[in-house]
PDB file of all heavy atoms in Angstrom:
ATOM      1  N   THR A   1      -0.462 -11.714  12.978  1.00  0.00           N
ATOM      2  CA  THR A   1       0.573 -11.269  13.745  1.00  0.00           C
ATOM      3  C   THR A   1       1.493 -12.358  14.308  1.00  0.00           C
ATOM      4  O   THR A   1       2.684 -12.299  14.174  1.00  0.00           O
ATOM      5  CB  THR A   1       0.106 -10.495  15.009  1.00  0.00           C
ATOM      6  OG1 THR A   1      -0.858  -9.492  14.446  1.00  0.00           O
ATOM      7  CG2 THR A   1       1.094  -9.785  15.799  1.00  0.00           C
ATOM      8  N   LEU A   2       0.857 -13.464  14.797  1.00  0.00           N
ATOM      9  CA  LEU A   2       1.689 -14.562  15.358  1.00  0.00           C
ATOM     10  C   LEU A   2       2.405 -15.312  14.381  1.00  0.00           C
ATOM     11  O   LEU A   2       3.524 -15.728  14.603  1.00  0.00           O
ATOM     12  CB  LEU A   2       0.681 -15.485  16.239  1.00  0.00           C
ATOM     13  CG  LEU A   2      -0.002 -14.829  17.304  1.00  0.00           C
ATOM     14  CD1 LEU A   2      -1.009 -15.796  18.023  1.00  0.00           C
ATOM     15  CD2 LEU A   2       1.082 -14.463  18.461  1.00  0.00           C
ATOM     16  N   LYS A   3       1.876 -15.583  13.261  1.00  0.00           N
ATOM     17  CA  LYS A   3       2.384 -16.557  12.338  1.00  0.00           C
ATOM     18  C   LYS A   3       3.264 -15.844  11.284  1.00  0.00           C
ATOM     19  O   LYS A   3       4.392 -16.150  11.196  1.00  0.00           O
ATOM     20  CB  LYS A   3       1.247 -17.443  11.620  1.00  0.00           C
ATOM     21  CG  LYS A   3       0.557 -18.308  12.666  1.00  0.00           C
ATOM     22  CD  LYS A   3      -0.653 -18.801  12.109  1.00  0.00           C
ATOM     23  CE  LYS A   3      -1.541 -19.651  13.109  1.00  0.00           C
ATOM     24  NZ  LYS A   3      -2.823 -20.113  12.516  1.00  0.00           N
ATOM     25  N   PHE A   4       2.609 -14.951  10.423  1.00  0.00           N
ATOM     26  CA  PHE A   4       3.251 -14.358   9.409  1.00  0.00           C
ATOM     27  C   PHE A   4       4.487 -13.482   9.876  1.00  0.00           C
ATOM     28  O   PHE A   4       5.629 -13.537   9.336  1.00  0.00           O
ATOM     29  CB  PHE A   4       2.389 -13.561   8.513  1.00  0.00           C
ATOM     30  CG  PHE A   4       2.985 -12.931   7.304  1.00  0.00           C
ATOM     31  CD1 PHE A   4       3.700 -13.548   6.370  1.00  0.00           C
ATOM     32  CD2 PHE A   4       3.092 -11.366   7.185  1.00  0.00           C
ATOM     33  CE1 PHE A   4       4.378 -12.975   5.335  1.00  0.00           C
ATOM     34  CE2 PHE A   4       3.667 -10.783   6.133  1.00  0.00           C
ATOM     35  CZ  PHE A   4       4.375 -11.632   5.127  1.00  0.00           C
ATOM     36  N   GLN A   5       4.195 -12.533  10.843  1.00  0.00           N
ATOM     37  CA  GLN A   5       5.279 -11.672  11.242  1.00  0.00           C
ATOM     38  C   GLN A   5       6.369 -12.449  11.853  1.00  0.00           C
ATOM     39  O   GLN A   5       7.618 -11.966  11.794  1.00  0.00           O
ATOM     40  CB  GLN A   5       4.635 -10.761  12.282  1.00  0.00           C
ATOM     41  CG  GLN A   5       3.557  -9.722  11.602  1.00  0.00           C
ATOM     42  CD  GLN A   5       3.366  -8.520  12.388  1.00  0.00           C
ATOM     43  OE1 GLN A   5       4.168  -8.034  13.243  1.00  0.00           O
ATOM     44  NE2 GLN A   5       2.195  -7.899  12.165  1.00  0.00           N
ATOM     45  N   THR A   6       6.118 -13.474  12.649  1.00  0.00           N
ATOM     46  CA  THR A   6       7.247 -14.320  13.212  1.00  0.00           C
ATOM     47  C   THR A   6       8.045 -14.853  12.169  1.00  0.00           C
ATOM     48  O   THR A   6       9.310 -14.893  12.105  1.00  0.00           O
ATOM     49  CB  THR A   6       6.637 -15.487  14.161  1.00  0.00           C
ATOM     50  OG1 THR A   6       5.828 -14.779  15.151  1.00  0.00           O
ATOM     51  CG2 THR A   6       7.778 -16.378  14.657  1.00  0.00           C
ATOM     52  N   TRP A   7       7.419 -15.464  11.043  1.00  0.00           N
ATOM     53  CA  TRP A   7       8.121 -16.023   9.876  1.00  0.00           C
ATOM     54  C   TRP A   7       8.925 -14.943   9.130  1.00  0.00           C
ATOM     55  O   TRP A   7      10.084 -15.274   8.801  1.00  0.00           O
ATOM     56  CB  TRP A   7       7.061 -16.604   8.970  1.00  0.00           C
ATOM     57  CG  TRP A   7       7.655 -17.280   7.723  1.00  0.00           C
ATOM     58  CD1 TRP A   7       8.161 -18.525   7.557  1.00  0.00           C
ATOM     59  CD2 TRP A   7       7.981 -16.539   6.374  1.00  0.00           C
ATOM     60  NE1 TRP A   7       8.650 -18.777   6.249  1.00  0.00           N
ATOM     61  CE2 TRP A   7       8.589 -17.536   5.546  1.00  0.00           C
ATOM     62  CE3 TRP A   7       7.820 -15.246   6.000  1.00  0.00           C
ATOM     63  CZ2 TRP A   7       8.922 -17.210   4.324  1.00  0.00           C
ATOM     64  CZ3 TRP A   7       8.180 -14.956   4.706  1.00  0.00           C
ATOM     65  CH2 TRP A   7       8.823 -15.927   3.822  1.00  0.00           C
ATOM     66  N   LEU A   8       8.365 -13.779   9.100  1.00  0.00           N
ATOM     67  CA  LEU A   8       9.059 -12.706   8.250  1.00  0.00           C
ATOM     68  C   LEU A   8      10.371 -12.267   9.089  1.00  0.00           C
ATOM     69  O   LEU A   8      11.388 -11.949   8.474  1.00  0.00           O
ATOM     70  CB  LEU A   8       8.158 -11.483   8.160  1.00  0.00           C
ATOM     71  CG  LEU A   8       8.381 -10.450   7.053  1.00  0.00           C
ATOM     72  CD1 LEU A   8       8.415 -11.277   5.749  1.00  0.00           C
ATOM     73  CD2 LEU A   8       7.342  -9.365   6.993  1.00  0.00           C
ATOM     74  N   ARG A   9      10.289 -12.164  10.326  1.00  0.00           N
ATOM     75  CA  ARG A   9      11.451 -11.790  11.106  1.00  0.00           C
ATOM     76  C   ARG A   9      12.632 -12.824  10.944  1.00  0.00           C
ATOM     77  O   ARG A   9      13.719 -12.453  11.063  1.00  0.00           O
ATOM     78  CB  ARG A   9      11.141 -11.645  12.610  1.00  0.00           C
ATOM     79  CG  ARG A   9      10.189 -10.478  12.898  1.00  0.00           C
ATOM     80  CD  ARG A   9      10.042 -10.276  14.497  1.00  0.00           C
ATOM     81  NE  ARG A   9       9.381  -9.005  14.729  1.00  0.00           N
ATOM     82  CZ  ARG A   9       8.137  -8.787  14.916  1.00  0.00           C
ATOM     83  NH1 ARG A   9       7.266  -9.919  14.811  1.00  0.00           N
ATOM     84  NH2 ARG A   9       7.647  -7.646  15.131  1.00  0.00           N
ATOM     85  N   GLN A  10      12.247 -13.970  10.684  1.00  0.00           N
ATOM     86  CA  GLN A  10      13.211 -15.150  10.396  1.00  0.00           C
ATOM     87  C   GLN A  10      13.861 -14.928   9.044  1.00  0.00           C
ATOM     88  O   GLN A  10      15.036 -15.191   8.916  1.00  0.00           O
ATOM     89  CB  GLN A  10      12.715 -16.450  10.660  1.00  0.00           C
ATOM     90  CG  GLN A  10      12.255 -16.690  12.198  1.00  0.00           C
ATOM     91  CD  GLN A  10      11.468 -18.036  12.317  1.00  0.00           C
ATOM     92  OE1 GLN A  10      11.143 -18.685  11.359  1.00  0.00           O
ATOM     93  NE2 GLN A  10      11.228 -18.466  13.640  1.00  0.00           N
ATOM     94  N   HIS A  11      12.950 -14.762   8.098  1.00  0.00           N
ATOM     95  CA  HIS A  11      13.332 -14.848   6.611  1.00  0.00           C
ATOM     96  C   HIS A  11      13.741 -13.467   6.094  1.00  0.00           C
ATOM     97  O   HIS A  11      14.420 -13.393   4.968  1.00  0.00           O
ATOM     98  CB  HIS A  11      12.359 -15.515   5.816  1.00  0.00           C
ATOM     99  CG  HIS A  11      12.099 -16.998   6.136  1.00  0.00           C
ATOM    100  ND1 HIS A  11      11.327 -17.315   7.168  1.00  0.00           N
ATOM    101  CD2 HIS A  11      12.624 -18.116   5.623  1.00  0.00           C
ATOM    102  CE1 HIS A  11      11.401 -18.742   7.247  1.00  0.00           C
ATOM    103  NE2 HIS A  11      12.086 -19.147   6.404  1.00  0.00           N
ATOM    104  N   ARG A  12      13.244 -12.452   6.665  1.00  0.00           N
ATOM    105  CA  ARG A  12      13.551 -11.136   6.168  1.00  0.00           C
ATOM    106  C   ARG A  12      14.050 -10.207   7.404  1.00  0.00           C
ATOM    107  O   ARG A  12      13.189  -9.447   7.931  1.00  0.00           O
ATOM    108  CB  ARG A  12      12.520 -10.497   5.363  1.00  0.00           C
ATOM    109  CG  ARG A  12      12.126 -11.101   4.069  1.00  0.00           C
ATOM    110  CD  ARG A  12      13.229 -10.791   3.100  1.00  0.00           C
ATOM    111  NE  ARG A  12      12.943 -11.166   1.662  1.00  0.00           N
ATOM    112  CZ  ARG A  12      13.265 -12.401   1.315  1.00  0.00           C
ATOM    113  NH1 ARG A  12      13.915 -13.337   2.101  1.00  0.00           N
ATOM    114  NH2 ARG A  12      12.849 -12.736   0.135  1.00  0.00           N
ATOM    115  N   PRO A  13      15.178 -10.450   7.942  1.00  0.00           N
ATOM    116  CA  PRO A  13      15.518  -9.739   9.277  1.00  0.00           C
ATOM    117  C   PRO A  13      15.529  -8.149   9.130  1.00  0.00           C
ATOM    118  O   PRO A  13      15.549  -7.562  10.092  1.00  0.00           O
ATOM    119  CB  PRO A  13      16.961 -10.165   9.522  1.00  0.00           C
ATOM    120  CG  PRO A  13      17.512 -10.850   8.209  1.00  0.00           C
ATOM    121  CD  PRO A  13      16.193 -11.294   7.524  1.00  0.00           C
ATOM    122  N   GLY A  14      15.515  -7.784   7.937  1.00  0.00           N
ATOM    123  CA  GLY A  14      15.445  -6.331   7.702  1.00  0.00           C
ATOM    124  C   GLY A  14      14.016  -5.690   7.679  1.00  0.00           C
ATOM    125  O   GLY A  14      13.931  -4.583   7.371  1.00  0.00           O
ATOM    126  N   ALA A  15      13.111  -6.564   7.787  1.00  0.00           N
ATOM    127  CA  ALA A  15      11.659  -6.106   7.718  1.00  0.00           C
ATOM    128  C   ALA A  15      11.316  -5.140   8.705  1.00  0.00           C
ATOM    129  O   ALA A  15      11.917  -5.152   9.775  1.00  0.00           O
ATOM    130  CB  ALA A  15      10.801  -7.284   7.890  1.00  0.00           C
ATOM    131  N   HIS A  16      10.418  -4.175   8.387  1.00  0.00           N
ATOM    132  CA  HIS A  16       9.959  -3.119   9.348  1.00  0.00           C
ATOM    133  C   HIS A  16       8.452  -3.416   9.624  1.00  0.00           C
ATOM    134  O   HIS A  16       7.661  -3.793   8.786  1.00  0.00           O
ATOM    135  CB  HIS A  16      10.192  -1.754   8.748  1.00  0.00           C
ATOM    136  CG  HIS A  16      11.577  -1.509   8.443  1.00  0.00           C
ATOM    137  ND1 HIS A  16      12.462  -1.089   9.467  1.00  0.00           N
ATOM    138  CD2 HIS A  16      12.352  -1.513   7.241  1.00  0.00           C
ATOM    139  CE1 HIS A  16      13.647  -0.801   8.847  1.00  0.00           C
ATOM    140  NE2 HIS A  16      13.658  -1.154   7.624  1.00  0.00           N
ATOM    141  N   PHE A  17       8.111  -2.964  10.928  1.00  0.00           N
ATOM    142  CA  PHE A  17       6.657  -3.117  11.348  1.00  0.00           C
ATOM    143  C   PHE A  17       6.182  -1.869  11.968  1.00  0.00           C
ATOM    144  O   PHE A  17       6.928  -1.292  12.792  1.00  0.00           O
ATOM    145  CB  PHE A  17       6.674  -4.326  12.377  1.00  0.00           C
ATOM    146  CG  PHE A  17       7.189  -5.659  11.883  1.00  0.00           C
ATOM    147  CD1 PHE A  17       8.512  -5.932  12.012  1.00  0.00           C
ATOM    148  CD2 PHE A  17       6.391  -6.482  11.339  1.00  0.00           C
ATOM    149  CE1 PHE A  17       9.146  -7.102  11.455  1.00  0.00           C
ATOM    150  CE2 PHE A  17       6.944  -7.691  10.792  1.00  0.00           C
ATOM    151  CZ  PHE A  17       8.337  -8.071  10.922  1.00  0.00           C
ATOM    152  N   TYR A  18       5.064  -1.606  11.580  1.00  0.00           N
ATOM    153  CA  TYR A  18       4.405  -0.420  12.142  1.00  0.00           C
ATOM    154  C   TYR A  18       2.993  -0.400  12.421  1.00  0.00           C
ATOM    155  O   TYR A  18       2.227  -0.938  11.461  1.00  0.00           O
ATOM    156  CB  TYR A  18       4.683   0.944  11.257  1.00  0.00           C
ATOM    157  CG  TYR A  18       4.274   2.272  11.742  1.00  0.00           C
ATOM    158  CD1 TYR A  18       5.006   2.740  12.837  1.00  0.00           C
ATOM    159  CD2 TYR A  18       3.213   2.861  11.327  1.00  0.00           C
ATOM    160  CE1 TYR A  18       4.666   4.086  13.303  1.00  0.00           C
ATOM    161  CE2 TYR A  18       2.949   4.197  11.750  1.00  0.00           C
ATOM    162  CZ  TYR A  18       3.657   4.766  12.742  1.00  0.00           C
ATOM    163  OH  TYR A  18       3.371   5.972  13.442  1.00  0.00           O
ATOM    164  N   HIS A  19       2.554  -0.143  13.691  1.00  0.00           N
ATOM    165  CA  HIS A  19       1.187  -0.261  13.957  1.00  0.00           C
ATOM    166  C   HIS A  19       0.557   1.026  14.203  1.00  0.00           C
ATOM    167  O   HIS A  19       1.042   1.892  14.935  1.00  0.00           O
ATOM    168  CB  HIS A  19       1.041  -1.109  15.261  1.00  0.00           C
ATOM    169  CG  HIS A  19      -0.366  -1.326  15.753  1.00  0.00           C
ATOM    170  ND1 HIS A  19      -1.319  -2.091  14.975  1.00  0.00           N
ATOM    171  CD2 HIS A  19      -1.037  -0.886  16.739  1.00  0.00           C
ATOM    172  CE1 HIS A  19      -2.522  -2.049  15.609  1.00  0.00           C
ATOM    173  NE2 HIS A  19      -2.363  -1.341  16.641  1.00  0.00           N
ATOM    174  N   MET A  20      -0.660   1.260  13.635  1.00  0.00           N
ATOM    175  CA  MET A  20      -1.400   2.530  13.799  1.00  0.00           C
ATOM    176  C   MET A  20      -2.586   2.273  14.722  1.00  0.00           C
ATOM    177  O   MET A  20      -3.556   1.547  14.341  1.00  0.00           O
ATOM    178  CB  MET A  20      -1.964   2.931  12.397  1.00  0.00           C
ATOM    179  CG  MET A  20      -0.863   3.242  11.382  1.00  0.00           C
ATOM    180  SD  MET A  20      -1.481   3.564   9.662  1.00  0.00           S
ATOM    181  CE  MET A  20      -2.262   5.028   9.772  1.00  0.00           C
ATOM    182  N   ASP A  21      -2.399   2.816  15.842  1.00  0.00           N
ATOM    183  CA  ASP A  21      -3.537   2.547  16.954  1.00  0.00           C
ATOM    184  C   ASP A  21      -4.405   3.794  17.196  1.00  0.00           C
ATOM    185  O   ASP A  21      -5.464   3.637  17.893  1.00  0.00           O
ATOM    186  CB  ASP A  21      -2.959   2.016  18.239  1.00  0.00           C
ATOM    187  CG  ASP A  21      -1.923   3.145  18.807  1.00  0.00           C
ATOM    188  OD1 ASP A  21      -1.546   4.034  18.055  1.00  0.00           O
ATOM    189  OD2 ASP A  21      -1.504   2.894  19.884  1.00  0.00           O
ATOM    190  N   LEU A  22      -4.090   4.942  16.533  1.00  0.00           N
ATOM    191  CA  LEU A  22      -4.941   6.152  16.818  1.00  0.00           C
ATOM    192  C   LEU A  22      -5.957   6.372  15.674  1.00  0.00           C
ATOM    193  O   LEU A  22      -5.500   6.345  14.536  1.00  0.00           O
ATOM    194  CB  LEU A  22      -4.070   7.256  16.919  1.00  0.00           C
ATOM    195  CG  LEU A  22      -3.055   7.283  18.175  1.00  0.00           C
ATOM    196  CD1 LEU A  22      -2.153   8.556  18.163  1.00  0.00           C
ATOM    197  CD2 LEU A  22      -3.848   7.076  19.513  1.00  0.00           C
ATOM    198  N   PRO A  23      -7.224   6.523  15.905  1.00  0.00           N
ATOM    199  CA  PRO A  23      -8.195   6.650  14.767  1.00  0.00           C
ATOM    200  C   PRO A  23      -7.986   7.968  14.092  1.00  0.00           C
ATOM    201  O   PRO A  23      -7.469   9.033  14.708  1.00  0.00           O
ATOM    202  CB  PRO A  23      -9.450   6.510  15.520  1.00  0.00           C
ATOM    203  CG  PRO A  23      -9.247   6.885  16.873  1.00  0.00           C
ATOM    204  CD  PRO A  23      -7.900   6.457  17.182  1.00  0.00           C
ATOM    205  N   ILE A  24      -8.343   8.106  12.806  1.00  0.00           N
ATOM    206  CA  ILE A  24      -8.313   9.217  12.056  1.00  0.00           C
ATOM    207  C   ILE A  24      -9.534   9.979  12.024  1.00  0.00           C
ATOM    208  O   ILE A  24      -9.668  11.235  12.145  1.00  0.00           O
ATOM    209  CB  ILE A  24      -7.774   9.029  10.554  1.00  0.00           C
ATOM    210  CG1 ILE A  24      -6.389   8.502  10.633  1.00  0.00           C
ATOM    211  CG2 ILE A  24      -7.849  10.212   9.716  1.00  0.00           C
ATOM    212  CD1 ILE A  24      -5.259   9.424  11.099  1.00  0.00           C
ATOM    213  N   ARG A  25     -10.696   9.215  11.862  1.00  0.00           N
ATOM    214  CA  ARG A  25     -12.017  10.004  11.546  1.00  0.00           C
ATOM    215  C   ARG A  25     -12.777  10.178  12.911  1.00  0.00           C
ATOM    216  O   ARG A  25     -13.864  10.708  12.746  1.00  0.00           O
ATOM    217  CB  ARG A  25     -12.896   9.129  10.552  1.00  0.00           C
ATOM    218  CG  ARG A  25     -12.175   8.940   9.095  1.00  0.00           C
ATOM    219  CD  ARG A  25     -13.066   8.475   8.167  1.00  0.00           C
ATOM    220  NE  ARG A  25     -13.781   7.259   8.323  1.00  0.00           N
ATOM    221  CZ  ARG A  25     -13.160   6.099   8.105  1.00  0.00           C
ATOM    222  NH1 ARG A  25     -11.957   6.052   7.556  1.00  0.00           N
ATOM    223  NH2 ARG A  25     -13.707   4.884   8.313  1.00  0.00           N
ATOM    224  N   TRP A  26     -12.269   9.655  13.986  1.00  0.00           N
ATOM    225  CA  TRP A  26     -12.899   9.966  15.282  1.00  0.00           C
ATOM    226  C   TRP A  26     -11.846   9.925  16.343  1.00  0.00           C
ATOM    227  O   TRP A  26     -10.700   9.427  16.128  1.00  0.00           O
ATOM    228  CB  TRP A  26     -14.050   8.996  15.605  1.00  0.00           C
ATOM    229  CG  TRP A  26     -13.742   7.566  15.300  1.00  0.00           C
ATOM    230  CD1 TRP A  26     -12.941   6.742  16.256  1.00  0.00           C
ATOM    231  CD2 TRP A  26     -13.830   6.664  14.196  1.00  0.00           C
ATOM    232  NE1 TRP A  26     -12.803   5.516  15.869  1.00  0.00           N
ATOM    233  CE2 TRP A  26     -13.219   5.386  14.576  1.00  0.00           C
ATOM    234  CE3 TRP A  26     -14.571   6.777  13.018  1.00  0.00           C
ATOM    235  CZ2 TRP A  26     -13.357   4.337  13.625  1.00  0.00           C
ATOM    236  CZ3 TRP A  26     -14.481   5.760  12.097  1.00  0.00           C
ATOM    237  CH2 TRP A  26     -13.981   4.500  12.432  1.00  0.00           C
TER     238      TRP A  26
END
């Protein structure tokens, strides 16, 4: 999260990010 996503925001400003925090099977 700290390294790659920071780099991606600089080099691909159109990048999208989505976090899934709710479990499916429980």
